[in-house]
Protein backbone atom coordinates (compact mmCIF):
# COMPACT_ATOMS: atom_id res chain seq x y z
CA MET A 1 157.23 44.07 -8.56
CA LYS A 2 159.44 41.35 -7.04
CA ARG A 3 158.27 41.92 -3.64
CA VAL A 4 154.61 42.37 -4.47
CA THR A 5 155.46 38.71 -6.56
CA HIS A 6 156.69 36.98 -3.56
CA HIS A 7 153.62 38.74 -1.44
CA CYS A 8 151.25 36.74 -3.60
CA ALA A 9 153.02 34.00 -3.50
CA ARG A 10 153.06 33.75 -0.04
CA LYS A 11 149.20 34.54 -0.23
CA ARG A 12 149.02 31.39 -2.47
CA ILE A 13 151.09 28.97 0.34
CA ALA A 14 149.16 30.46 3.05
CA THR A 15 145.46 30.05 1.26
CA SER A 16 146.67 26.10 0.29
CA LEU A 17 147.55 25.03 3.47
CA ALA A 18 144.63 26.07 4.91
CA ILE A 19 142.16 24.41 2.32
CA ALA A 20 144.34 21.60 3.00
CA LEU A 21 144.06 21.55 6.69
CA ALA A 22 139.89 22.06 6.15
CA VAL A 23 139.96 19.01 3.93
CA ALA A 24 142.23 17.06 6.85
CA ALA A 25 139.84 18.28 9.69
CA ALA A 26 137.07 16.97 7.67
CA SER A 27 138.45 13.81 6.86
CA THR A 28 140.08 12.59 9.90
CA PRO A 29 136.93 11.79 12.33
CA ALA A 30 135.83 9.65 9.13
CA GLU A 31 138.84 7.83 8.48
CA GLU A 32 139.86 7.10 12.25
CA PHE A 33 136.10 6.36 13.78
CA PRO A 34 135.90 4.21 15.41
CA SER A 35 139.37 4.63 17.56
CA LYS A 36 138.39 3.58 21.10
CA PRO A 37 135.95 0.60 21.89
CA MET A 38 132.62 0.59 20.99
CA ARG A 39 129.25 0.32 23.83
CA LEU A 40 126.63 -1.64 22.30
CA ILE A 41 123.31 -1.19 25.23
CA VAL A 42 121.54 -4.30 25.12
CA PRO A 43 117.93 -3.34 27.27
CA PHE A 44 117.20 -7.03 28.26
CA ALA A 45 118.98 -9.18 30.75
CA ALA A 46 122.09 -11.21 29.57
CA GLY A 47 121.04 -14.88 28.16
CA GLY A 48 118.45 -14.63 26.86
CA GLY A 49 117.42 -14.16 22.46
CA ALA A 50 118.41 -10.26 22.28
CA ASP A 51 121.66 -10.78 24.64
CA LEU A 52 122.75 -13.74 22.11
CA ASN A 53 121.56 -11.68 19.08
CA ALA A 54 123.78 -8.66 19.78
CA ARG A 55 126.77 -10.33 20.95
CA ARG A 56 126.49 -12.51 17.67
CA LEU A 57 126.34 -8.98 15.55
CA ALA A 58 129.42 -7.61 18.19
CA GLU A 59 131.99 -9.91 17.21
CA PRO A 60 132.09 -9.38 13.31
CA LEU A 61 131.64 -5.94 14.19
CA SER A 62 134.37 -5.85 16.12
CA GLY A 63 136.28 -7.37 13.92
CA LEU A 64 135.38 -5.10 10.78
CA TRP A 65 136.06 -1.89 12.83
CA LYS A 66 139.35 -3.54 15.06
CA GLN A 67 137.80 -2.27 17.97
CA PRO A 68 135.66 -4.21 20.97
CA VAL A 69 132.40 -4.20 20.55
CA VAL A 70 131.41 -4.02 24.34
CA VAL A 71 128.16 -5.43 25.44
CA GLN A 72 126.42 -4.02 28.05
CA ASN A 73 123.47 -5.94 29.66
CA MET A 74 120.74 -3.25 30.82
CA GLY A 75 117.40 -4.43 31.61
CA GLY A 76 114.40 -3.29 33.26
CA ALA A 77 111.85 -0.65 33.13
CA GLY A 78 110.54 -2.80 29.45
CA GLY A 79 113.83 -1.50 28.37
CA ASN A 80 113.62 2.04 29.23
CA LEU A 81 116.74 2.59 31.39
CA ALA A 82 118.80 1.32 27.89
CA ALA A 83 116.99 3.94 26.02
CA ALA A 84 117.62 6.24 28.72
CA ALA A 85 120.86 5.73 28.81
CA THR A 86 121.44 5.92 24.96
CA ALA A 87 119.52 9.11 25.43
CA ALA A 88 121.95 10.63 27.76
CA SER A 89 125.20 9.26 25.65
CA GLU A 90 127.41 11.85 23.84
CA PRO A 91 126.72 11.84 20.31
CA THR A 92 129.88 10.60 19.24
CA GLY A 93 128.94 7.41 17.89
CA TYR A 94 130.50 5.38 20.54
CA THR A 95 127.25 4.33 21.84
CA LEU A 96 124.82 2.04 20.22
CA LEU A 97 121.34 0.71 21.52
CA PHE A 98 120.24 -2.42 20.39
CA ALA A 99 116.74 -2.27 20.67
CA SER A 100 113.76 -4.13 20.63
CA LEU A 101 111.33 -2.49 18.56
CA ALA A 102 108.55 -2.68 21.44
CA ILE A 103 110.24 0.11 23.03
CA ILE A 104 110.44 2.40 20.38
CA VAL A 105 106.74 1.57 18.76
CA ASN A 106 104.57 0.51 22.23
CA ASN A 107 106.51 2.28 25.09
CA PRO A 108 105.59 5.88 24.82
CA THR A 109 101.60 4.44 24.78
CA LEU A 110 102.58 1.78 27.64
CA TYR A 111 104.20 4.60 29.85
CA GLN A 112 101.96 7.56 28.21
CA GLY A 113 103.12 10.71 30.55
CA THR A 114 105.98 9.01 32.38
CA LEU A 115 108.99 8.12 30.12
CA PRO A 116 112.43 10.30 31.20
CA TYR A 117 112.79 10.10 27.18
CA ASP A 118 111.32 10.97 23.74
CA PRO A 119 112.21 7.99 21.37
CA ASP A 120 111.03 10.33 18.36
CA LYS A 121 113.50 13.12 19.63
CA ASP A 122 115.95 11.92 21.72
CA LEU A 123 117.05 8.64 19.75
CA ALA A 124 117.79 8.46 15.53
CA PRO A 125 117.35 5.03 13.90
CA VAL A 126 120.67 3.70 12.31
CA VAL A 127 119.73 0.56 11.31
CA LEU A 128 116.94 -2.43 10.98
CA VAL A 129 119.05 -5.54 12.63
CA GLY A 130 116.52 -8.39 12.18
CA GLN A 131 113.57 -10.06 13.06
CA VAL A 132 111.89 -13.14 14.91
CA PRO A 133 108.49 -14.52 13.49
CA LEU A 134 106.07 -15.43 16.75
CA VAL A 135 104.22 -18.70 16.08
CA LEU A 136 101.24 -19.79 17.24
CA MET A 137 101.09 -22.70 19.59
CA VAL A 138 99.00 -24.79 21.35
CA ASN A 139 99.58 -27.60 23.71
CA ALA A 140 99.38 -30.91 22.79
CA GLN A 141 95.75 -31.64 24.48
CA SER A 142 93.64 -29.18 21.89
CA PRO A 143 92.22 -30.76 19.14
CA ALA A 144 92.95 -27.61 17.24
CA LYS A 145 95.27 -29.66 14.12
CA ASP A 146 95.74 -25.61 12.26
CA VAL A 147 94.41 -21.71 12.99
CA ALA A 148 90.91 -22.86 11.21
CA SER A 149 89.77 -25.40 14.14
CA LEU A 150 91.60 -23.29 16.85
CA ILE A 151 89.19 -20.47 15.96
CA ALA A 152 86.06 -22.62 15.32
CA LEU A 153 87.00 -24.48 18.87
CA ALA A 154 87.26 -20.88 20.37
CA LYS A 155 84.12 -19.51 19.14
CA GLN A 156 82.44 -22.94 20.47
CA ARG A 157 83.78 -21.96 23.94
CA PRO A 158 83.62 -18.31 24.50
CA ASN A 159 85.96 -17.36 27.78
CA THR A 160 87.03 -20.24 28.35
CA LEU A 161 90.19 -21.12 26.94
CA HIS A 162 93.28 -18.69 27.71
CA PHE A 163 95.86 -17.40 26.51
CA GLY A 164 99.53 -16.77 28.01
CA SER A 165 102.37 -14.18 27.80
CA GLY A 166 105.41 -12.98 29.52
CA GLY A 167 103.75 -9.49 30.48
CA VAL A 168 101.20 -7.20 29.50
CA GLY A 169 102.00 -4.57 27.01
CA THR A 170 104.22 -7.48 25.57
CA SER A 171 104.37 -8.93 21.61
CA MET A 172 103.53 -12.22 23.18
CA HIS A 173 100.26 -10.22 24.79
CA LEU A 174 99.30 -7.96 21.85
CA THR A 175 100.12 -10.34 19.04
CA ALA A 176 97.34 -12.82 20.90
CA GLU A 177 94.87 -9.47 20.82
CA LEU A 178 95.53 -8.68 17.56
CA LEU A 179 93.92 -12.59 16.45
CA LYS A 180 90.88 -11.86 18.47
CA ALA A 181 90.53 -8.47 16.74
CA ARG A 182 90.57 -10.32 13.96
CA THR A 183 88.41 -13.33 14.43
CA GLY A 184 86.16 -12.21 16.79
CA ILE A 185 87.40 -14.66 19.39
CA ASP A 186 87.15 -14.39 22.79
CA ILE A 187 90.06 -15.91 24.90
CA VAL A 188 91.51 -15.16 28.17
CA HIS A 189 94.67 -13.46 29.34
CA VAL A 190 96.67 -14.77 31.50
CA PRO A 191 100.61 -12.68 32.07
CA PHE A 192 103.53 -14.45 33.72
CA LYS A 193 106.82 -12.69 34.69
CA GLY A 194 108.66 -13.79 31.68
CA ALA A 195 107.83 -16.21 28.62
CA ASN A 196 109.81 -19.23 30.61
CA PRO A 197 106.75 -19.51 32.61
CA VAL A 198 104.11 -19.56 29.90
CA VAL A 199 105.67 -22.55 28.64
CA ALA A 200 105.51 -24.43 31.97
CA ALA A 201 102.26 -23.39 31.92
CA MET A 202 101.10 -24.67 28.44
CA MET A 203 102.25 -28.22 29.27
CA SER A 204 100.52 -28.07 32.50
CA ASP A 205 97.25 -27.06 30.87
CA GLU A 206 96.64 -23.90 32.53
CA VAL A 207 96.80 -22.01 29.68
CA GLN A 208 96.09 -23.51 25.91
CA ILE A 209 97.74 -20.56 23.71
CA MET A 210 100.50 -18.79 23.26
CA PHE A 211 102.54 -16.96 20.86
CA GLN A 212 106.25 -18.04 20.85
CA ASN A 213 109.01 -16.37 18.72
CA ALA A 214 110.23 -19.01 16.16
CA GLY A 215 113.52 -20.29 17.40
CA LEU A 216 112.68 -21.35 20.59
CA ALA A 217 108.96 -22.78 18.91
CA ASP A 218 110.91 -25.24 16.50
CA ASN A 219 112.72 -26.68 19.46
CA GLN A 220 109.36 -26.90 21.83
CA ALA A 221 107.35 -28.24 18.75
CA LYS A 222 110.02 -31.23 18.32
CA THR A 223 109.34 -31.94 21.89
CA GLY A 224 105.59 -33.46 20.64
CA ARG A 225 104.22 -31.47 23.92
CA LEU A 226 103.11 -28.16 22.59
CA LYS A 227 102.31 -27.75 19.00
CA ALA A 228 102.58 -25.48 16.28
CA LEU A 229 99.93 -23.88 14.06
CA ALA A 230 101.12 -20.88 12.40
CA ILE A 231 103.46 -18.29 11.82
CA ALA A 232 103.22 -14.77 11.42
CA SER A 233 105.19 -13.66 8.73
CA ASP A 234 105.12 -13.38 5.24
CA LYS A 235 106.98 -16.74 4.17
CA ARG A 236 107.83 -19.92 5.83
CA MET A 237 111.12 -20.41 7.72
CA LYS A 238 113.83 -22.73 6.66
CA ILE A 239 113.72 -24.18 10.83
CA MET A 240 110.10 -25.16 10.02
CA PRO A 241 109.48 -25.61 6.46
CA THR A 242 106.43 -27.64 7.20
CA LEU A 243 105.02 -24.84 9.00
CA PRO A 244 102.35 -22.80 6.89
CA THR A 245 102.21 -19.42 7.47
CA PHE A 246 98.79 -17.27 8.40
CA GLN A 247 98.39 -16.02 4.76
CA GLU A 248 97.96 -19.90 3.96
CA SER A 249 96.24 -20.65 6.66
CA GLY A 250 93.18 -17.95 5.43
CA MET A 251 94.49 -14.70 7.52
CA PRO A 252 95.92 -12.52 5.54
CA ASN A 253 98.26 -10.07 6.60
CA PHE A 254 98.69 -11.31 9.56
CA ARG A 255 102.17 -10.81 11.08
CA ALA A 256 103.71 -10.26 14.13
CA ALA A 257 107.30 -10.04 14.97
CA ILE A 258 109.91 -9.41 17.80
CA THR A 259 112.06 -6.64 15.61
CA TYR A 260 115.46 -5.38 16.19
CA GLY A 261 116.80 -1.96 15.70
CA ILE A 262 120.18 -0.10 16.47
CA TYR A 263 119.66 3.18 17.51
CA VAL A 264 121.86 6.52 18.57
CA VAL A 265 121.22 9.37 20.76
CA ALA A 266 119.74 12.63 18.45
CA GLY A 267 122.01 15.12 17.25
CA THR A 268 125.13 11.96 16.65
CA PRO A 269 126.67 13.64 13.10
CA THR A 270 124.95 12.42 9.69
CA SER A 271 128.07 11.43 8.53
CA LEU A 272 128.53 8.77 11.45
CA ILE A 273 125.27 7.46 11.50
CA LYS A 274 125.90 6.77 7.22
CA ARG A 275 129.07 5.08 8.29
CA LEU A 276 127.35 3.01 11.36
CA ASN A 277 124.74 1.76 8.72
CA HIS A 278 126.86 0.71 5.99
CA ASP A 279 129.23 -1.35 8.46
CA ILE A 280 126.42 -2.61 10.11
CA ASN A 281 124.81 -3.81 6.59
CA THR A 282 127.78 -4.98 5.99
CA VAL A 283 127.65 -7.87 8.69
CA LEU A 284 124.03 -8.04 7.91
CA LYS A 285 124.93 -9.96 4.77
CA ASP A 286 128.25 -11.95 6.19
CA ALA A 287 127.24 -15.90 4.91
CA THR A 288 128.78 -16.83 8.53
CA TYR A 289 126.04 -14.30 10.47
CA LEU A 290 123.56 -15.34 8.17
CA ARG A 291 123.62 -18.83 8.77
CA GLN A 292 123.64 -17.89 12.93
CA MET A 293 120.68 -15.90 12.68
CA GLU A 294 119.01 -18.68 10.43
CA ILE A 295 119.72 -21.43 13.33
CA LEU A 296 118.17 -18.76 15.66
CA GLY A 297 114.92 -18.18 13.37
CA ILE A 298 115.71 -14.88 12.89
CA GLU A 299 115.04 -13.10 9.22
CA PRO A 300 117.74 -10.81 8.73
CA GLY A 301 117.36 -7.08 8.29
CA GLY A 302 119.48 -4.17 6.67
CA GLY A 303 118.64 -1.29 4.72
CA THR A 304 118.68 3.09 5.17
CA PRO A 305 117.63 4.50 8.65
CA ARG A 306 115.09 6.11 6.84
CA GLU A 307 113.47 2.55 6.12
CA LEU A 308 113.56 1.83 10.04
CA ALA A 309 111.67 4.79 10.93
CA ASP A 310 109.40 4.28 7.97
CA TYR A 311 108.71 0.35 9.46
CA VAL A 312 108.40 1.99 13.15
CA ALA A 313 105.48 4.45 12.08
CA THR A 314 103.68 1.13 10.08
CA GLU A 315 104.15 -1.19 13.34
CA ARG A 316 102.15 2.13 15.08
CA GLU A 317 99.03 2.17 13.15
CA LYS A 318 98.92 -1.49 14.02
CA TRP A 319 99.73 -2.05 17.73
CA VAL A 320 99.03 1.37 19.29
CA PRO A 321 95.20 1.27 18.29
CA ILE A 322 95.08 -2.08 20.37
CA LEU A 323 96.84 -0.55 23.37
CA ARG A 324 94.29 2.42 23.26
CA LYS A 325 91.02 0.40 22.50
CA LEU A 326 91.67 -2.56 25.79
CA ASN A 327 93.35 0.71 27.74
CA ILE A 328 96.62 -1.42 28.02
CA LYS A 329 99.38 0.11 30.63
CA ALA A 330 102.68 -1.53 31.69
CA ARG A 331 102.21 -2.33 35.53
């Protein structure tokens, strides 16, 4: 009888030990993550708006995680190099893509059949970081004072007004195409290699219209050489409080922004995605970070991975038909 008791006791101890080890194994990754430096891939060159935004996010995340968040700039191919590098990374949660959502929304159509990755199958959404609304601008010589007068001018002078963009398929380009589709105006596209040459062309009257991100539009309007007519957001922004929205200008539901989100490689454990989502949301609500974003003209994001996926689906419904109708392909 005593032998049986000892056997049962040993069995209970072994069972308890197995349970304890299983619990420890299950909890350790969450408790220790991250235990080494994180990599934040930015699909643009250093010094631009996206890079600055990413670095402003990386700094408080480094403090929260007590690990360096190393920003790696990987420009080229419309963001595809960075997206492909993320898609090829290990599903450990240590490689994050600071994606312009144009990569996820538009690139499958712009680069149809040539992408080295599938954004829906190879990447997993984490969280929406923020949006930079676009502002409709004209040069100082333009007689247009608001959206209505610009539309009237364009209809009086079809195919004589030119709009500049940072390249075919960019947000600057597609937003102007959306304006054309919604108003029936005929204005001529002049693509440049990047956004900065467009500003110079605006000032020299080579082009008369452009869509600029809110942070830059504010500074450029203050010079007096460019005029801001309306902002493509749901509400006015603090940095440009007197600038009306398109809704206020008689064009409801006209929204356009350069939007950023965080992605990881597909197959990353759900527990790690939840952890990343929670921590990044914490930073997005931080008062110091919010002040920095306000100065840059960025509307902060947040929310769940599902909300980011739903946002992408909604954006595709808006932009992909324009890409297909005009047969816009990356060059």
